[in-house]
């Protein structure tokens, strides 16, 4: 006796249901993995302000000392420094170069911001000394906010903010 084999595929309805189930499974897998991947990338780019103080020099000038540290895993290639005062408008910032052996170039973007080309390796610190000139005079006890934005070698950006008072 000869048996007859039927060569039939799966039905169209079953094929559609399997396709939808596989698509949902792939989507859920990506949904679970992508947030962890994005969080991992964001953790690589961090900058810290380890020291920020500001001292009055005369009635129109103050000097800020800002120490930053690359807390990430990638090199920093540029830093932008923003300084704002609560009572005075700052009309010029300039860098005082205390470390002649370290080459960095800073230019004013706007009146209260400097952009500096600087290379910082992971875990490396650097101290900026910035001269601030004000329009209305330096007020002892005035709150000053500094924001540092760092440009990493992969073109990602991290920022940090610190507050100090003029002494």
Foldseek 3Di string as FASTA:
>chain_A
DDDDDDDDDDDPVVVVVVVVVVVVVVVVVCVVPVVVVVVVVVQQFEKDWPDWEKEDDDFFKIKIKTKMAGQHQFKFFKKKKFKDWPPWGWQAKDWDDPDPVADKDWDDPGRGMIMIGHIHHHGGMDMTMMMTGTDRTADFFIKMKMKMWTQTPVRDIYMDMDIYTYD
